């Protein structure tokens, strides 16, 4: 499966396209500031720092679908930078489920996880690793960003 060239509105209001990340390994994560899993930001930022120069990026997608995200994009940006030191790109607050689901997530949710299950985003911090060849791997929220299975895939798909 490949992701179409969908438009993204970034947290600062600028426009981007998913194709802007072509050739990179991209860990797309629907994030939330007020969730029990929010400490995963620390591992996400560590991955960004460790692998960013080698063709990897985290793409954070704040979502209020589970009622655990701040209301305003400016508040989200401030919280993430001051609390977790986030430097990876983030989109504006975006729906990941339902009729208003963003086009990126319309494609991502077709991906099956390790148990063979596709479908809606179950909770905050669900992860999709999009490899440079277009192959997508799905990891459920409880899988830590720096889990061995994620790190192995990242390392196998980066420039040395």
N, C-alpha and C. Protein backbone atom coordinates (compact mmCIF):
# COMPACT_ATOMS: atom_id res chain seq x y z
N UNK A 1 0.85 -1.18 0.00
CA UNK A 1 0.00 0.00 0.00
C UNK A 1 0.89 1.23 0.00
N UNK A 2 0.44 2.24 -0.68
CA UNK A 2 1.20 3.49 -0.63
C UNK A 2 0.25 4.62 -0.25
N UNK A 3 0.80 5.62 0.36
CA UNK A 3 0.01 6.76 0.80
C UNK A 3 -0.05 7.76 -0.35
N UNK A 4 -1.25 8.21 -0.69
CA UNK A 4 -1.34 9.22 -1.74
C UNK A 4 -0.74 10.54 -1.26
N UNK A 5 -0.56 11.43 -2.18
CA UNK A 5 -0.01 12.74 -1.85
C UNK A 5 -1.10 13.58 -1.20
N UNK A 6 -1.32 13.37 0.09
CA UNK A 6 -2.36 14.10 0.80
C UNK A 6 -1.79 15.37 1.41
N UNK A 7 -2.62 16.39 1.45
CA UNK A 7 -2.22 17.66 2.04
C UNK A 7 -2.30 17.57 3.56
N UNK A 8 -1.33 18.17 4.19
CA UNK A 8 -1.29 18.24 5.65
C UNK A 8 -1.22 19.71 6.05
N UNK A 9 -1.95 20.07 7.08
CA UNK A 9 -1.79 21.39 7.67
C UNK A 9 -1.01 21.18 8.95
N UNK A 10 0.13 21.83 9.02
CA UNK A 10 1.01 21.62 10.15
C UNK A 10 0.54 22.44 11.35
N UNK A 11 1.10 22.14 12.51
CA UNK A 11 0.68 22.76 13.75
C UNK A 11 0.83 24.28 13.72
N UNK A 12 1.81 24.77 12.96
CA UNK A 12 2.02 26.22 12.86
C UNK A 12 1.17 26.87 11.77
N UNK A 13 0.29 26.07 11.12
CA UNK A 13 -0.60 26.60 10.09
C UNK A 13 -0.06 26.48 8.68
N UNK A 14 1.21 26.13 8.51
CA UNK A 14 1.77 25.99 7.16
C UNK A 14 1.21 24.72 6.50
N UNK A 15 1.31 24.71 5.18
CA UNK A 15 0.83 23.56 4.41
C UNK A 15 2.01 22.68 4.02
N UNK A 16 1.76 21.39 3.98
CA UNK A 16 2.76 20.41 3.54
C UNK A 16 2.00 19.30 2.83
N UNK A 17 2.75 18.42 2.21
CA UNK A 17 2.17 17.23 1.59
C UNK A 17 2.88 16.03 2.15
N UNK A 18 2.17 14.91 2.24
CA UNK A 18 2.81 13.71 2.74
C UNK A 18 4.01 13.35 1.86
N UNK A 19 3.93 13.69 0.58
CA UNK A 19 5.03 13.41 -0.35
C UNK A 19 6.31 14.17 0.04
N UNK A 20 6.20 15.23 0.85
CA UNK A 20 7.38 15.95 1.30
C UNK A 20 8.30 15.05 2.13
N UNK A 21 7.76 13.96 2.64
CA UNK A 21 8.52 13.02 3.46
C UNK A 21 9.00 11.81 2.66
N UNK A 22 8.79 11.83 1.35
CA UNK A 22 9.17 10.71 0.49
C UNK A 22 10.64 10.35 0.69
N UNK A 23 10.90 9.06 0.67
CA UNK A 23 12.26 8.56 0.84
C UNK A 23 12.68 8.41 2.28
N UNK A 24 11.82 8.77 3.20
CA UNK A 24 12.12 8.64 4.63
C UNK A 24 11.31 7.50 5.23
N UNK A 25 11.78 7.01 6.36
CA UNK A 25 10.97 6.15 7.21
C UNK A 25 10.21 7.12 8.12
N UNK A 26 8.88 7.01 8.13
CA UNK A 26 8.04 7.97 8.85
C UNK A 26 7.20 7.23 9.88
N UNK A 27 7.32 7.61 11.13
CA UNK A 27 6.49 7.03 12.17
C UNK A 27 5.36 8.01 12.45
N UNK A 28 4.17 7.69 11.91
CA UNK A 28 2.99 8.54 12.07
C UNK A 28 2.29 8.10 13.36
N UNK A 29 2.06 9.05 14.26
CA UNK A 29 1.48 8.74 15.57
C UNK A 29 0.39 9.75 15.90
N UNK A 30 -0.81 9.25 16.22
CA UNK A 30 -1.85 10.16 16.70
C UNK A 30 -1.60 10.39 18.20
N UNK A 31 -1.29 11.62 18.52
CA UNK A 31 -0.85 11.98 19.86
C UNK A 31 -1.93 12.75 20.61
N UNK A 32 -1.77 12.80 21.94
CA UNK A 32 -2.69 13.55 22.79
C UNK A 32 -1.94 14.01 24.03
N UNK A 33 -2.23 15.21 24.47
CA UNK A 33 -1.50 15.83 25.58
C UNK A 33 -1.98 15.41 26.96
N UNK A 34 -3.16 14.86 27.06
CA UNK A 34 -3.75 14.56 28.36
C UNK A 34 -4.13 13.08 28.48
N UNK A 35 -3.25 12.22 28.05
CA UNK A 35 -3.51 10.78 28.00
C UNK A 35 -2.50 10.07 28.90
N UNK A 36 -2.87 8.93 29.42
CA UNK A 36 -1.93 8.13 30.21
C UNK A 36 -0.73 7.69 29.40
N UNK A 37 -0.85 7.68 28.08
CA UNK A 37 0.26 7.28 27.21
C UNK A 37 1.12 8.47 26.76
N UNK A 38 0.78 9.67 27.18
CA UNK A 38 1.50 10.87 26.76
C UNK A 38 3.01 10.80 27.03
N UNK A 39 3.48 10.12 28.07
CA UNK A 39 4.93 10.00 28.24
C UNK A 39 5.65 9.34 27.06
N UNK A 40 4.93 8.75 26.12
CA UNK A 40 5.57 8.20 24.92
C UNK A 40 6.23 9.31 24.10
N UNK A 41 5.85 10.57 24.32
CA UNK A 41 6.51 11.68 23.64
C UNK A 41 8.03 11.61 23.85
N UNK A 42 8.45 11.22 25.03
CA UNK A 42 9.88 11.17 25.34
C UNK A 42 10.60 10.20 24.40
N UNK A 43 10.06 9.01 24.21
CA UNK A 43 10.68 8.02 23.32
C UNK A 43 10.56 8.45 21.86
N UNK A 44 9.45 9.09 21.49
CA UNK A 44 9.31 9.58 20.12
C UNK A 44 10.39 10.61 19.81
N UNK A 45 10.61 11.54 20.72
CA UNK A 45 11.64 12.56 20.50
C UNK A 45 13.03 11.94 20.49
N UNK A 46 13.27 10.94 21.32
CA UNK A 46 14.57 10.26 21.32
C UNK A 46 14.82 9.58 19.97
N UNK A 47 13.79 8.97 19.39
CA UNK A 47 13.93 8.36 18.06
C UNK A 47 14.25 9.43 17.02
N UNK A 48 13.55 10.56 17.11
CA UNK A 48 13.78 11.65 16.17
C UNK A 48 15.23 12.13 16.24
N UNK A 49 15.72 12.31 17.44
CA UNK A 49 17.10 12.78 17.61
C UNK A 49 18.11 11.74 17.13
N UNK A 50 17.85 10.47 17.41
CA UNK A 50 18.81 9.41 17.07
C UNK A 50 18.86 9.15 15.57
N UNK A 51 17.70 9.15 14.90
CA UNK A 51 17.64 8.71 13.50
C UNK A 51 17.30 9.82 12.50
N UNK A 52 16.97 11.01 12.97
CA UNK A 52 16.52 12.08 12.08
C UNK A 52 17.48 12.41 10.96
N UNK A 53 18.77 12.42 11.25
CA UNK A 53 19.77 12.76 10.23
C UNK A 53 19.97 11.64 9.22
N UNK A 54 19.42 10.46 9.49
CA UNK A 54 19.61 9.32 8.60
C UNK A 54 18.38 9.01 7.75
N UNK A 55 17.42 9.93 7.69
CA UNK A 55 16.26 9.71 6.83
C UNK A 55 15.04 9.18 7.54
N UNK A 56 14.87 9.55 8.80
CA UNK A 56 13.71 9.14 9.59
C UNK A 56 13.05 10.38 10.15
N UNK A 57 11.73 10.31 10.32
CA UNK A 57 11.04 11.35 11.06
C UNK A 57 9.82 10.77 11.75
N UNK A 58 9.52 11.33 12.88
CA UNK A 58 8.22 11.12 13.52
C UNK A 58 7.31 12.19 12.94
N UNK A 59 6.07 11.84 12.68
CA UNK A 59 5.05 12.82 12.31
C UNK A 59 3.94 12.70 13.34
N UNK A 60 3.87 13.68 14.23
CA UNK A 60 2.85 13.69 15.26
C UNK A 60 1.55 14.26 14.71
N UNK A 61 0.45 13.57 15.03
CA UNK A 61 -0.87 14.00 14.57
C UNK A 61 -1.76 14.17 15.80
N UNK A 62 -1.80 15.36 16.39
CA UNK A 62 -2.68 15.57 17.54
C UNK A 62 -4.14 15.31 17.14
N UNK A 63 -4.84 14.62 18.01
CA UNK A 63 -6.24 14.32 17.73
C UNK A 63 -7.06 14.41 19.01
N UNK A 64 -8.22 15.00 18.88
CA UNK A 64 -9.13 15.10 20.01
C UNK A 64 -10.20 14.02 19.99
N UNK A 65 -10.03 13.01 19.16
CA UNK A 65 -11.05 11.96 19.01
C UNK A 65 -11.39 11.27 20.32
N UNK A 66 -10.41 11.20 21.24
CA UNK A 66 -10.65 10.51 22.50
C UNK A 66 -10.74 11.49 23.66
N UNK A 67 -10.97 12.78 23.30
CA UNK A 67 -11.23 13.84 24.29
C UNK A 67 -10.06 14.05 25.26
N UNK A 68 -8.82 13.86 24.76
CA UNK A 68 -7.67 14.01 25.64
C UNK A 68 -6.61 14.95 25.05
N UNK A 69 -7.01 15.77 24.10
CA UNK A 69 -6.08 16.73 23.50
C UNK A 69 -6.54 18.14 23.83
N UNK A 70 -5.58 19.03 23.96
CA UNK A 70 -5.88 20.44 24.19
C UNK A 70 -6.67 20.98 23.01
N UNK A 71 -7.42 22.05 23.23
CA UNK A 71 -8.30 22.57 22.18
C UNK A 71 -7.57 23.32 21.08
N UNK A 72 -6.63 24.16 21.43
CA UNK A 72 -6.00 25.04 20.44
C UNK A 72 -4.64 24.52 19.99
N UNK A 73 -4.37 24.68 18.70
CA UNK A 73 -3.09 24.25 18.14
C UNK A 73 -1.91 24.93 18.83
N UNK A 74 -2.05 26.22 19.15
CA UNK A 74 -0.97 26.94 19.83
C UNK A 74 -0.68 26.33 21.20
N UNK A 75 -1.73 25.93 21.92
CA UNK A 75 -1.55 25.31 23.23
C UNK A 75 -0.86 23.95 23.09
N UNK A 76 -1.23 23.19 22.05
CA UNK A 76 -0.60 21.89 21.80
C UNK A 76 0.89 22.10 21.52
N UNK A 77 1.20 23.04 20.65
CA UNK A 77 2.60 23.31 20.29
C UNK A 77 3.41 23.71 21.53
N UNK A 78 2.87 24.60 22.34
CA UNK A 78 3.58 25.04 23.54
C UNK A 78 3.79 23.89 24.51
N UNK A 79 2.75 23.11 24.75
CA UNK A 79 2.85 21.97 25.67
C UNK A 79 3.92 20.98 25.21
N UNK A 80 3.89 20.63 23.93
CA UNK A 80 4.82 19.62 23.41
C UNK A 80 6.26 20.10 23.44
N UNK A 81 6.48 21.36 23.12
CA UNK A 81 7.86 21.86 23.12
C UNK A 81 8.39 22.08 24.53
N UNK A 82 7.58 22.64 25.42
CA UNK A 82 8.08 22.95 26.76
C UNK A 82 8.11 21.73 27.67
N UNK A 83 7.16 20.82 27.53
CA UNK A 83 7.09 19.66 28.42
C UNK A 83 7.97 18.52 27.93
N UNK A 84 7.97 18.28 26.62
CA UNK A 84 8.67 17.10 26.08
C UNK A 84 9.81 17.45 25.14
N UNK A 85 10.02 18.72 24.85
CA UNK A 85 11.11 19.11 23.96
C UNK A 85 10.93 18.62 22.53
N UNK A 86 9.69 18.50 22.09
CA UNK A 86 9.39 17.96 20.77
C UNK A 86 9.97 18.84 19.66
N UNK A 87 10.71 18.21 18.76
CA UNK A 87 11.26 18.90 17.59
C UNK A 87 10.74 18.31 16.28
N UNK A 88 10.08 17.15 16.35
CA UNK A 88 9.59 16.53 15.12
C UNK A 88 8.35 17.26 14.60
N UNK A 89 8.08 17.13 13.30
CA UNK A 89 6.92 17.83 12.74
C UNK A 89 5.61 17.29 13.29
N UNK A 90 4.66 18.21 13.44
CA UNK A 90 3.33 17.85 13.91
C UNK A 90 2.28 18.56 13.07
N UNK A 91 1.20 17.86 12.81
CA UNK A 91 0.09 18.46 12.09
C UNK A 91 -0.80 19.23 13.06
N UNK A 92 -1.74 19.96 12.49
CA UNK A 92 -2.77 20.57 13.33
C UNK A 92 -3.63 19.45 13.92
N UNK A 93 -4.46 19.78 14.87
CA UNK A 93 -5.38 18.83 15.47
C UNK A 93 -6.25 18.24 14.36
N UNK A 94 -6.28 16.90 14.27
CA UNK A 94 -6.83 16.23 13.11
C UNK A 94 -7.70 15.04 13.50
N UNK A 95 -8.86 14.86 12.85
CA UNK A 95 -9.67 13.67 13.12
C UNK A 95 -9.03 12.42 12.49
N UNK A 96 -8.96 11.35 13.28
CA UNK A 96 -8.37 10.10 12.79
C UNK A 96 -9.40 8.99 12.62
N UNK A 97 -10.62 9.23 13.05
CA UNK A 97 -11.72 8.26 12.93
C UNK A 97 -12.98 8.98 12.46
N UNK A 98 -13.96 8.19 12.07
CA UNK A 98 -15.27 8.73 11.74
C UNK A 98 -15.37 9.33 10.35
N UNK A 99 -16.51 9.95 10.10
CA UNK A 99 -16.79 10.51 8.78
C UNK A 99 -15.81 11.60 8.37
N UNK A 100 -15.31 12.35 9.35
CA UNK A 100 -14.39 13.44 9.06
C UNK A 100 -12.93 13.03 9.08
N UNK A 101 -12.67 11.72 9.11
CA UNK A 101 -11.30 11.20 9.17
C UNK A 101 -10.44 11.82 8.07
N UNK A 102 -9.25 12.26 8.44
CA UNK A 102 -8.31 12.85 7.49
C UNK A 102 -7.93 11.82 6.43
N UNK A 103 -7.65 12.29 5.22
CA UNK A 103 -7.31 11.41 4.10
C UNK A 103 -6.11 10.52 4.41
N UNK A 104 -5.14 11.01 5.17
CA UNK A 104 -3.99 10.20 5.55
C UNK A 104 -4.44 8.97 6.34
N UNK A 105 -5.35 9.20 7.27
CA UNK A 105 -5.82 8.10 8.11
C UNK A 105 -6.79 7.18 7.37
N UNK A 106 -7.46 7.68 6.34
CA UNK A 106 -8.30 6.81 5.52
C UNK A 106 -7.46 5.70 4.93
N UNK A 107 -6.22 6.00 4.59
CA UNK A 107 -5.30 5.00 4.05
C UNK A 107 -4.65 4.17 5.16
N UNK A 108 -4.18 4.84 6.20
CA UNK A 108 -3.46 4.14 7.25
C UNK A 108 -4.29 3.05 7.92
N UNK A 109 -5.59 3.31 8.16
CA UNK A 109 -6.39 2.34 8.90
C UNK A 109 -6.66 1.06 8.11
N UNK A 110 -6.29 1.03 6.84
CA UNK A 110 -6.41 -0.20 6.05
C UNK A 110 -5.30 -1.19 6.41
N UNK A 111 -4.27 -0.71 7.06
CA UNK A 111 -3.12 -1.53 7.43
C UNK A 111 -3.48 -2.43 8.60
N UNK A 112 -3.08 -3.69 8.50
CA UNK A 112 -3.33 -4.65 9.58
C UNK A 112 -2.18 -4.62 10.58
N UNK A 113 -2.51 -4.87 11.84
CA UNK A 113 -1.49 -4.96 12.88
C UNK A 113 -0.91 -6.37 12.91
N UNK A 114 -0.12 -6.69 13.90
CA UNK A 114 0.55 -7.99 13.99
C UNK A 114 -0.43 -9.14 14.20
N UNK A 115 -1.66 -8.83 14.62
CA UNK A 115 -2.67 -9.87 14.80
C UNK A 115 -3.60 -9.96 13.60
N UNK A 116 -3.30 -9.20 12.54
CA UNK A 116 -4.10 -9.25 11.33
C UNK A 116 -5.34 -8.38 11.35
N UNK A 117 -5.39 -7.42 12.29
CA UNK A 117 -6.56 -6.57 12.42
C UNK A 117 -6.32 -5.18 11.85
N UNK A 118 -7.21 -4.74 11.00
CA UNK A 118 -7.18 -3.37 10.46
C UNK A 118 -8.34 -2.62 11.12
N UNK A 119 -8.68 -1.46 10.60
CA UNK A 119 -9.85 -0.74 11.10
C UNK A 119 -9.50 0.49 11.89
N UNK A 120 -10.50 1.04 12.59
CA UNK A 120 -10.36 2.34 13.24
C UNK A 120 -9.20 2.40 14.23
N UNK A 121 -8.79 3.63 14.48
CA UNK A 121 -7.79 3.89 15.51
C UNK A 121 -8.45 3.58 16.85
N UNK A 122 -7.77 2.77 17.66
CA UNK A 122 -8.36 2.32 18.92
C UNK A 122 -8.15 3.30 20.07
N UNK A 123 -7.04 4.05 20.03
CA UNK A 123 -6.74 4.96 21.13
C UNK A 123 -5.61 5.87 20.70
N UNK A 124 -5.25 6.81 21.55
CA UNK A 124 -4.12 7.69 21.29
C UNK A 124 -2.82 6.88 21.19
N UNK A 125 -1.88 7.41 20.45
CA UNK A 125 -0.54 6.85 20.30
C UNK A 125 -0.52 5.53 19.52
N UNK A 126 -1.46 5.37 18.59
CA UNK A 126 -1.36 4.26 17.64
C UNK A 126 -0.31 4.68 16.62
N UNK A 127 0.54 3.73 16.22
CA UNK A 127 1.70 4.06 15.39
C UNK A 127 1.66 3.34 14.06
N UNK A 128 2.05 4.07 13.01
CA UNK A 128 2.17 3.51 11.66
C UNK A 128 3.56 3.87 11.16
N UNK A 129 4.38 2.86 10.91
CA UNK A 129 5.70 3.10 10.36
C UNK A 129 5.61 2.93 8.85
N UNK A 130 5.75 4.04 8.13
CA UNK A 130 5.70 4.04 6.67
C UNK A 130 7.14 4.02 6.19
N UNK A 131 7.50 2.93 5.52
CA UNK A 131 8.88 2.76 5.06
C UNK A 131 9.09 3.47 3.73
N UNK A 132 10.34 3.75 3.39
CA UNK A 132 10.62 4.45 2.12
C UNK A 132 10.04 3.75 0.89
N UNK A 133 9.89 2.42 0.94
CA UNK A 133 9.33 1.68 -0.19
C UNK A 133 7.79 1.69 -0.20
N UNK A 134 7.18 2.38 0.78
CA UNK A 134 5.73 2.49 0.84
C UNK A 134 5.05 1.46 1.73
N UNK A 135 5.78 0.44 2.15
CA UNK A 135 5.19 -0.57 3.04
C UNK A 135 4.90 0.06 4.40
N UNK A 136 3.77 -0.35 4.99
CA UNK A 136 3.33 0.23 6.25
C UNK A 136 3.21 -0.87 7.31
N UNK A 137 3.69 -0.58 8.49
CA UNK A 137 3.56 -1.48 9.64
C UNK A 137 2.77 -0.74 10.72
N UNK A 138 1.82 -1.46 11.31
CA UNK A 138 0.94 -0.86 12.32
C UNK A 138 1.25 -1.41 13.70
N UNK A 139 1.31 -0.50 14.67
CA UNK A 139 1.57 -0.87 16.06
C UNK A 139 0.53 -0.21 16.94
N UNK A 140 -0.07 -0.99 17.79
CA UNK A 140 -1.14 -0.48 18.67
C UNK A 140 -0.56 0.44 19.76
N UNK A 141 -1.42 1.20 20.43
CA UNK A 141 -0.98 2.24 21.36
C UNK A 141 -0.03 1.78 22.47
N UNK A 142 -0.23 0.58 23.00
CA UNK A 142 0.60 0.14 24.12
C UNK A 142 2.02 -0.23 23.70
N UNK A 143 2.25 -0.42 22.40
CA UNK A 143 3.61 -0.69 21.92
C UNK A 143 4.40 0.61 22.04
N UNK A 144 5.49 0.55 22.78
CA UNK A 144 6.32 1.73 22.99
C UNK A 144 7.01 2.12 21.68
N UNK A 145 7.21 3.41 21.44
CA UNK A 145 7.86 3.86 20.21
C UNK A 145 9.25 3.25 19.99
N UNK A 146 9.95 2.97 21.09
CA UNK A 146 11.29 2.40 20.99
C UNK A 146 11.32 0.89 21.20
N UNK A 147 10.17 0.24 20.97
CA UNK A 147 10.10 -1.22 21.07
C UNK A 147 11.05 -1.85 20.05
N UNK A 148 11.65 -2.98 20.38
CA UNK A 148 12.62 -3.61 19.47
C UNK A 148 12.10 -3.82 18.06
N UNK A 149 10.84 -4.19 17.91
CA UNK A 149 10.30 -4.45 16.58
C UNK A 149 10.20 -3.17 15.74
N UNK A 150 9.96 -2.04 16.39
CA UNK A 150 9.92 -0.77 15.66
C UNK A 150 11.33 -0.31 15.33
N UNK A 151 12.23 -0.35 16.30
CA UNK A 151 13.60 0.09 16.08
C UNK A 151 14.28 -0.74 15.00
N UNK A 152 14.05 -2.05 15.00
CA UNK A 152 14.66 -2.92 13.98
C UNK A 152 14.20 -2.52 12.58
N UNK A 153 12.92 -2.21 12.42
CA UNK A 153 12.40 -1.79 11.12
C UNK A 153 12.97 -0.43 10.71
N UNK A 154 13.07 0.48 11.66
CA UNK A 154 13.65 1.79 11.35
C UNK A 154 15.09 1.61 10.89
N UNK A 155 15.87 0.91 11.67
CA UNK A 155 17.29 0.74 11.34
C UNK A 155 17.52 0.03 10.02
N UNK A 156 16.67 -0.94 9.71
CA UNK A 156 16.82 -1.69 8.45
C UNK A 156 16.47 -0.85 7.22
N UNK A 157 15.83 0.29 7.43
CA UNK A 157 15.35 1.10 6.29
C UNK A 157 15.95 2.50 6.23
N UNK A 158 17.09 2.67 6.88
CA UNK A 158 17.75 3.97 6.86
C UNK A 158 19.10 3.90 6.18
N UNK A 159 19.53 5.04 5.72
CA UNK A 159 20.89 5.15 5.18
C UNK A 159 21.87 4.98 6.34
N UNK A 160 23.04 4.45 6.03
CA UNK A 160 24.02 4.24 7.10
C UNK A 160 24.84 5.48 7.40
